Amino acid sequence: MHLPSRPREWRLTTAEILYRLPDHPGLLQTFIWQDYDLAPQFPELRRFLAFWRRELDGPLHSVRVAAADSLARGRWRHAGHLLTLQ
């Protein structure tokens, strides 16, 4: 019996990209990428990373990906407390 895979869903996807500086390969720099993408394959992120490898000088070190739940109507709730820090 073949079970259908989970349906692909649009999600707000954020990727934290660590890359090496071209002139100082011992140093890492962070770049944050965010866009709507289809989970779980993330084709938009894959296209961006392919562009990065092809066009940019800073070699990738690592990529961490986080995706919000499916797009849905916003939910409002009232804050229970308000704090001000000075």
N, C-alpha and C. Protein backbone atom coordinates (compact mmCIF):
# COMPACT_ATOMS: atom_id res chain seq x y z
N MET A 1 0.84 -1.18 0.00
CA MET A 1 0.00 0.00 0.00
C MET A 1 0.88 1.24 0.00
N HIS A 2 0.62 2.16 -0.90
CA HIS A 2 1.39 3.39 -1.01
C HIS A 2 0.67 4.50 -0.27
N LEU A 3 1.33 5.06 0.72
CA LEU A 3 0.75 6.17 1.46
C LEU A 3 1.12 7.47 0.77
N PRO A 4 0.17 8.37 0.57
CA PRO A 4 0.50 9.64 -0.08
C PRO A 4 1.42 10.45 0.82
N SER A 5 2.35 11.16 0.17
CA SER A 5 3.25 12.01 0.96
C SER A 5 2.47 13.20 1.50
N ARG A 6 3.04 13.83 2.47
CA ARG A 6 2.40 15.01 3.07
C ARG A 6 2.27 16.10 2.01
N PRO A 7 1.14 16.75 1.94
CA PRO A 7 0.97 17.78 0.91
C PRO A 7 1.98 18.90 1.07
N ARG A 8 2.42 19.40 -0.07
CA ARG A 8 3.36 20.51 -0.03
C ARG A 8 2.61 21.76 0.40
N GLU A 9 3.24 22.55 1.24
CA GLU A 9 2.58 23.73 1.78
C GLU A 9 3.50 24.93 1.70
N TRP A 10 2.93 26.07 1.37
CA TRP A 10 3.69 27.32 1.39
C TRP A 10 3.95 27.69 2.85
N ARG A 11 5.18 28.06 3.13
CA ARG A 11 5.55 28.46 4.48
C ARG A 11 6.52 29.64 4.41
N LEU A 12 6.45 30.49 5.42
CA LEU A 12 7.46 31.53 5.54
C LEU A 12 8.73 30.83 6.01
N THR A 13 9.76 30.87 5.19
CA THR A 13 10.99 30.12 5.44
C THR A 13 12.12 31.10 5.70
N THR A 14 12.89 30.83 6.73
CA THR A 14 14.06 31.63 7.07
C THR A 14 15.27 30.72 7.08
N ALA A 15 16.34 31.17 6.44
CA ALA A 15 17.58 30.40 6.42
C ALA A 15 18.70 31.27 6.98
N GLU A 16 19.43 30.72 7.93
CA GLU A 16 20.63 31.38 8.44
C GLU A 16 21.80 30.74 7.70
N ILE A 17 22.46 31.54 6.88
CA ILE A 17 23.54 31.04 6.03
C ILE A 17 24.87 31.53 6.61
N LEU A 18 25.73 30.60 6.96
CA LEU A 18 27.09 30.95 7.38
C LEU A 18 28.02 30.69 6.21
N TYR A 19 28.85 31.68 5.91
CA TYR A 19 29.78 31.54 4.80
C TYR A 19 31.14 32.09 5.19
N ARG A 20 32.16 31.64 4.49
CA ARG A 20 33.52 32.09 4.75
C ARG A 20 33.81 33.35 3.95
N LEU A 21 34.49 34.29 4.58
CA LEU A 21 34.88 35.49 3.87
C LEU A 21 35.97 35.14 2.87
N PRO A 22 35.86 35.60 1.62
CA PRO A 22 36.85 35.23 0.61
C PRO A 22 38.29 35.62 0.98
N ASP A 23 38.48 36.80 1.55
CA ASP A 23 39.83 37.25 1.88
C ASP A 23 40.33 36.72 3.22
N HIS A 24 39.43 36.23 4.05
CA HIS A 24 39.78 35.71 5.38
C HIS A 24 38.99 34.42 5.62
N PRO A 25 39.40 33.30 5.02
CA PRO A 25 38.61 32.06 5.09
C PRO A 25 38.46 31.50 6.50
N GLY A 26 39.23 31.99 7.46
CA GLY A 26 39.08 31.54 8.83
C GLY A 26 37.92 32.22 9.55
N LEU A 27 37.35 33.25 8.94
CA LEU A 27 36.23 33.98 9.55
C LEU A 27 34.92 33.60 8.87
N LEU A 28 33.87 33.53 9.69
CA LEU A 28 32.53 33.24 9.16
C LEU A 28 31.67 34.49 9.26
N GLN A 29 30.82 34.68 8.28
CA GLN A 29 29.86 35.78 8.25
C GLN A 29 28.47 35.17 8.17
N THR A 30 27.48 35.87 8.69
CA THR A 30 26.10 35.39 8.66
C THR A 30 25.28 36.19 7.66
N PHE A 31 24.43 35.48 6.92
CA PHE A 31 23.48 36.10 6.02
C PHE A 31 22.12 35.47 6.31
N ILE A 32 21.08 36.28 6.44
CA ILE A 32 19.73 35.77 6.70
C ILE A 32 18.91 35.92 5.42
N TRP A 33 18.34 34.82 4.96
CA TRP A 33 17.48 34.79 3.78
C TRP A 33 16.07 34.45 4.24
N GLN A 34 15.06 35.14 3.70
CA GLN A 34 13.68 34.84 4.08
C GLN A 34 12.78 35.02 2.87
N ASP A 35 11.90 34.05 2.65
CA ASP A 35 10.95 34.11 1.55
C ASP A 35 9.88 33.05 1.80
N TYR A 36 8.81 33.11 1.03
CA TYR A 36 7.81 32.05 1.09
C TYR A 36 8.30 30.90 0.21
N ASP A 37 8.19 29.69 0.72
CA ASP A 37 8.71 28.54 0.00
C ASP A 37 7.81 27.33 0.26
N LEU A 38 7.96 26.33 -0.56
CA LEU A 38 7.16 25.11 -0.43
C LEU A 38 7.91 24.07 0.39
N ALA A 39 7.29 23.65 1.47
CA ALA A 39 7.89 22.61 2.31
C ALA A 39 7.44 21.26 1.77
N PRO A 40 8.21 20.23 1.87
CA PRO A 40 9.52 20.14 2.53
C PRO A 40 10.70 20.23 1.57
N GLN A 41 10.49 20.42 0.27
CA GLN A 41 11.62 20.45 -0.66
C GLN A 41 12.33 21.81 -0.71
N PHE A 42 11.63 22.90 -0.41
CA PHE A 42 12.17 24.25 -0.40
C PHE A 42 12.88 24.61 -1.71
N PRO A 43 12.14 24.61 -2.83
CA PRO A 43 12.77 24.90 -4.12
C PRO A 43 13.32 26.32 -4.24
N GLU A 44 12.67 27.30 -3.63
CA GLU A 44 13.16 28.69 -3.71
C GLU A 44 14.50 28.81 -3.00
N LEU A 45 14.62 28.23 -1.83
CA LEU A 45 15.88 28.26 -1.10
C LEU A 45 16.96 27.54 -1.89
N ARG A 46 16.63 26.40 -2.47
CA ARG A 46 17.62 25.66 -3.27
C ARG A 46 18.10 26.49 -4.46
N ARG A 47 17.17 27.21 -5.11
CA ARG A 47 17.56 28.08 -6.23
C ARG A 47 18.51 29.18 -5.75
N PHE A 48 18.18 29.77 -4.59
CA PHE A 48 19.04 30.83 -4.06
C PHE A 48 20.43 30.29 -3.72
N LEU A 49 20.51 29.12 -3.11
CA LEU A 49 21.81 28.54 -2.76
C LEU A 49 22.60 28.17 -4.01
N ALA A 50 21.93 27.72 -5.05
CA ALA A 50 22.62 27.43 -6.32
C ALA A 50 23.19 28.73 -6.92
N PHE A 51 22.40 29.80 -6.86
CA PHE A 51 22.89 31.11 -7.31
C PHE A 51 24.12 31.52 -6.50
N TRP A 52 24.04 31.34 -5.19
CA TRP A 52 25.16 31.71 -4.31
C TRP A 52 26.43 30.97 -4.74
N ARG A 53 26.33 29.67 -4.88
CA ARG A 53 27.51 28.87 -5.25
C ARG A 53 28.06 29.27 -6.62
N ARG A 54 27.18 29.63 -7.53
CA ARG A 54 27.58 29.95 -8.90
C ARG A 54 28.14 31.36 -9.03
N GLU A 55 27.57 32.35 -8.30
CA GLU A 55 27.89 33.76 -8.54
C GLU A 55 28.69 34.46 -7.46
N LEU A 56 28.68 33.96 -6.24
CA LEU A 56 29.32 34.69 -5.14
C LEU A 56 30.63 34.02 -4.73
N ASP A 57 31.54 34.83 -4.19
CA ASP A 57 32.87 34.33 -3.83
C ASP A 57 32.93 33.65 -2.47
N GLY A 58 32.06 33.98 -1.55
CA GLY A 58 32.13 33.43 -0.20
C GLY A 58 31.60 32.01 -0.15
N PRO A 59 32.48 31.00 0.05
CA PRO A 59 31.99 29.62 0.10
C PRO A 59 31.08 29.37 1.30
N LEU A 60 30.04 28.59 1.07
CA LEU A 60 29.08 28.27 2.14
C LEU A 60 29.73 27.37 3.18
N HIS A 61 29.43 27.65 4.43
CA HIS A 61 29.87 26.80 5.53
C HIS A 61 28.72 25.92 6.00
N SER A 62 27.57 26.56 6.28
CA SER A 62 26.40 25.81 6.74
C SER A 62 25.14 26.64 6.53
N VAL A 63 24.00 25.94 6.52
CA VAL A 63 22.70 26.58 6.35
C VAL A 63 21.75 25.96 7.36
N ARG A 64 21.12 26.80 8.17
CA ARG A 64 20.06 26.34 9.10
C ARG A 64 18.75 26.89 8.59
N VAL A 65 17.74 26.03 8.54
CA VAL A 65 16.44 26.41 7.97
C VAL A 65 15.35 26.28 9.02
N ALA A 66 14.49 27.28 9.06
CA ALA A 66 13.30 27.24 9.91
C ALA A 66 12.11 27.65 9.06
N ALA A 67 10.99 26.99 9.23
CA ALA A 67 9.80 27.31 8.45
C ALA A 67 8.61 27.42 9.39
N ALA A 68 7.86 28.49 9.22
CA ALA A 68 6.66 28.70 10.03
C ALA A 68 5.58 27.74 9.57
N ASP A 69 4.56 27.56 10.39
CA ASP A 69 3.43 26.71 10.01
C ASP A 69 2.80 27.23 8.73
N SER A 70 1.90 26.47 8.20
CA SER A 70 1.21 26.83 6.96
C SER A 70 0.64 28.24 7.06
N LEU A 71 0.55 28.87 5.91
CA LEU A 71 -0.03 30.21 5.88
C LEU A 71 -1.49 30.12 6.30
N ALA A 72 -1.86 30.96 7.20
CA ALA A 72 -3.24 30.98 7.69
C ALA A 72 -3.56 32.41 8.11
N ARG A 73 -4.81 32.63 8.41
CA ARG A 73 -5.20 33.95 8.89
C ARG A 73 -4.46 34.25 10.18
N GLY A 74 -4.12 35.51 10.34
CA GLY A 74 -3.44 35.92 11.56
C GLY A 74 -4.32 35.74 12.78
N ARG A 75 -3.68 35.47 13.87
CA ARG A 75 -4.41 35.33 15.13
C ARG A 75 -3.96 36.43 16.07
N TRP A 76 -4.92 37.06 16.70
CA TRP A 76 -4.62 38.15 17.62
C TRP A 76 -4.83 37.67 19.04
N ARG A 77 -3.99 38.14 19.91
CA ARG A 77 -4.22 37.92 21.34
C ARG A 77 -3.68 39.13 22.08
N HIS A 78 -4.26 39.39 23.20
CA HIS A 78 -3.87 40.55 24.00
C HIS A 78 -2.70 40.19 24.89
N ALA A 79 -1.78 41.13 25.00
CA ALA A 79 -0.64 40.92 25.88
C ALA A 79 -1.10 40.97 27.32
N GLY A 80 -0.57 40.06 28.13
CA GLY A 80 -0.93 40.04 29.54
C GLY A 80 -0.16 41.05 30.36
N HIS A 81 1.04 41.44 29.87
CA HIS A 81 1.89 42.38 30.61
C HIS A 81 2.62 43.26 29.62
N LEU A 82 2.98 44.45 30.06
CA LEU A 82 3.80 45.35 29.27
C LEU A 82 4.97 45.77 30.12
N LEU A 83 6.17 45.47 29.67
CA LEU A 83 7.38 45.83 30.40
C LEU A 83 8.18 46.85 29.62
N THR A 84 8.76 47.81 30.30
CA THR A 84 9.64 48.80 29.68
C THR A 84 11.00 48.70 30.34
N LEU A 85 12.00 48.46 29.53
CA LEU A 85 13.38 48.39 30.04
C LEU A 85 14.10 49.66 29.63
N GLN A 86 14.85 50.22 30.58
CA GLN A 86 15.60 51.45 30.27
C GLN A 86 17.07 51.22 30.43
